[in-house]
Amino acid sequence: MIKPKHDIAHVKETIADYFQKQVDVTVNLGRNKVLKFCGELSGIYPALFTVRPNDKSFLGKTSYSYAEVLCGSVKVKPAKKAEP
């Protein structure tokens, strides 16, 4: 049996560290479709978190569960700093 590297509690702590900060989000939609965007992690809830994309044409927020991050279908990391 393969031992998991992380659990839900570790994922929640990691996501909580990014609260109200710019993050890069990568979502695996299946069938070789990948969505990448940058946004602000705007909400943390017991079962999910929300990200507000920086794209002006997108109105609203997107929400993802911690289980999606744990399974690898959603990846969240701090945004890269823009170099002058």
Protein backbone atom coordinates (compact mmCIF):
# COMPACT_ATOMS: atom_id res chain seq x y z
CA MET A 1 0.00 0.00 0.00
CA ILE A 2 1.28 3.45 -0.92
CA LYS A 3 1.40 5.89 1.97
CA PRO A 4 -0.08 9.30 1.14
CA LYS A 5 2.34 12.21 1.37
CA HIS A 6 -0.29 14.65 2.61
CA ASP A 7 -3.76 14.67 4.08
CA ILE A 8 -6.70 17.07 3.92
CA ALA A 9 -5.54 18.95 7.04
CA HIS A 10 -2.16 19.68 5.43
CA VAL A 11 -3.85 20.88 2.22
CA LYS A 12 -6.16 23.19 4.23
CA GLU A 13 -3.18 24.69 6.09
CA THR A 14 -1.30 25.29 2.84
CA ILE A 15 -4.31 26.94 1.18
CA ALA A 16 -4.93 29.07 4.30
CA ASP A 17 -1.38 30.47 3.96
CA TYR A 18 -2.34 31.87 0.53
CA PHE A 19 -5.50 33.67 1.78
CA GLN A 20 -5.96 37.09 0.07
CA LYS A 21 -2.76 36.61 -1.94
CA GLN A 22 -2.18 36.19 -5.67
CA VAL A 23 -2.01 32.54 -6.72
CA ASP A 24 -1.49 30.60 -9.93
CA VAL A 25 -4.17 27.94 -10.43
CA THR A 26 -3.89 24.96 -12.79
CA VAL A 27 -7.02 22.87 -13.33
CA ASN A 28 -6.96 19.52 -15.14
CA LEU A 29 -10.29 19.27 -16.98
CA GLY A 30 -9.58 15.83 -18.47
CA ARG A 31 -8.94 14.70 -22.03
CA ASN A 32 -5.74 16.74 -22.26
CA LYS A 33 -7.55 19.98 -21.37
CA VAL A 34 -5.78 22.20 -18.85
CA LEU A 35 -6.94 25.60 -17.60
CA LYS A 36 -4.36 27.98 -16.11
CA PHE A 37 -5.08 31.37 -14.61
CA CYS A 38 -3.89 33.81 -11.97
CA GLY A 39 -6.16 35.23 -9.31
CA GLU A 40 -6.69 36.13 -5.68
CA LEU A 41 -7.64 33.46 -3.16
CA SER A 42 -10.68 35.27 -1.78
CA GLY A 43 -12.44 32.81 0.50
CA ILE A 44 -11.70 29.84 2.72
CA TYR A 45 -14.53 27.61 3.92
CA PRO A 46 -14.65 24.23 5.71
CA ALA A 47 -15.15 22.18 2.51
CA LEU A 48 -13.89 24.47 -0.28
CA PHE A 49 -12.02 27.64 -1.21
CA THR A 50 -12.73 30.34 -3.79
CA VAL A 51 -10.45 32.12 -6.25
CA ARG A 52 -11.30 35.38 -8.01
CA PRO A 53 -9.53 35.41 -11.41
CA ASN A 54 -7.67 38.58 -12.46
CA ASP A 55 -9.17 38.36 -15.96
CA LYS A 56 -11.57 41.30 -16.42
CA SER A 57 -13.75 39.37 -18.88
CA PHE A 58 -14.51 36.73 -16.23
CA LEU A 59 -17.19 37.87 -13.80
CA GLY A 60 -17.47 36.02 -10.51
CA LYS A 61 -15.41 33.47 -8.62
CA THR A 62 -14.41 29.86 -9.04
CA SER A 63 -14.59 27.36 -6.20
CA TYR A 64 -12.60 24.19 -5.62
CA SER A 65 -12.63 21.55 -2.90
CA TYR A 66 -9.60 20.56 -0.87
CA ALA A 67 -10.03 17.00 -2.14
CA GLU A 68 -9.43 18.19 -5.72
CA VAL A 69 -6.09 19.63 -4.59
CA LEU A 70 -5.24 16.44 -2.70
CA CYS A 71 -6.02 14.29 -5.76
CA GLY A 72 -4.00 16.53 -8.07
CA SER A 73 -6.74 17.70 -10.40
CA VAL A 74 -6.26 21.28 -9.09
CA LYS A 75 -2.88 22.81 -8.30
CA VAL A 76 -2.51 26.07 -6.39
CA LYS A 77 0.80 27.86 -5.86
CA PRO A 78 1.88 31.42 -5.08
CA ALA A 79 1.96 33.72 -8.10
CA LYS A 80 5.33 34.51 -9.61
CA LYS A 81 6.52 38.03 -9.04
CA ALA A 82 6.61 40.12 -12.21
CA GLU A 83 10.14 41.24 -13.02
CA PRO A 84 10.54 44.93 -13.96
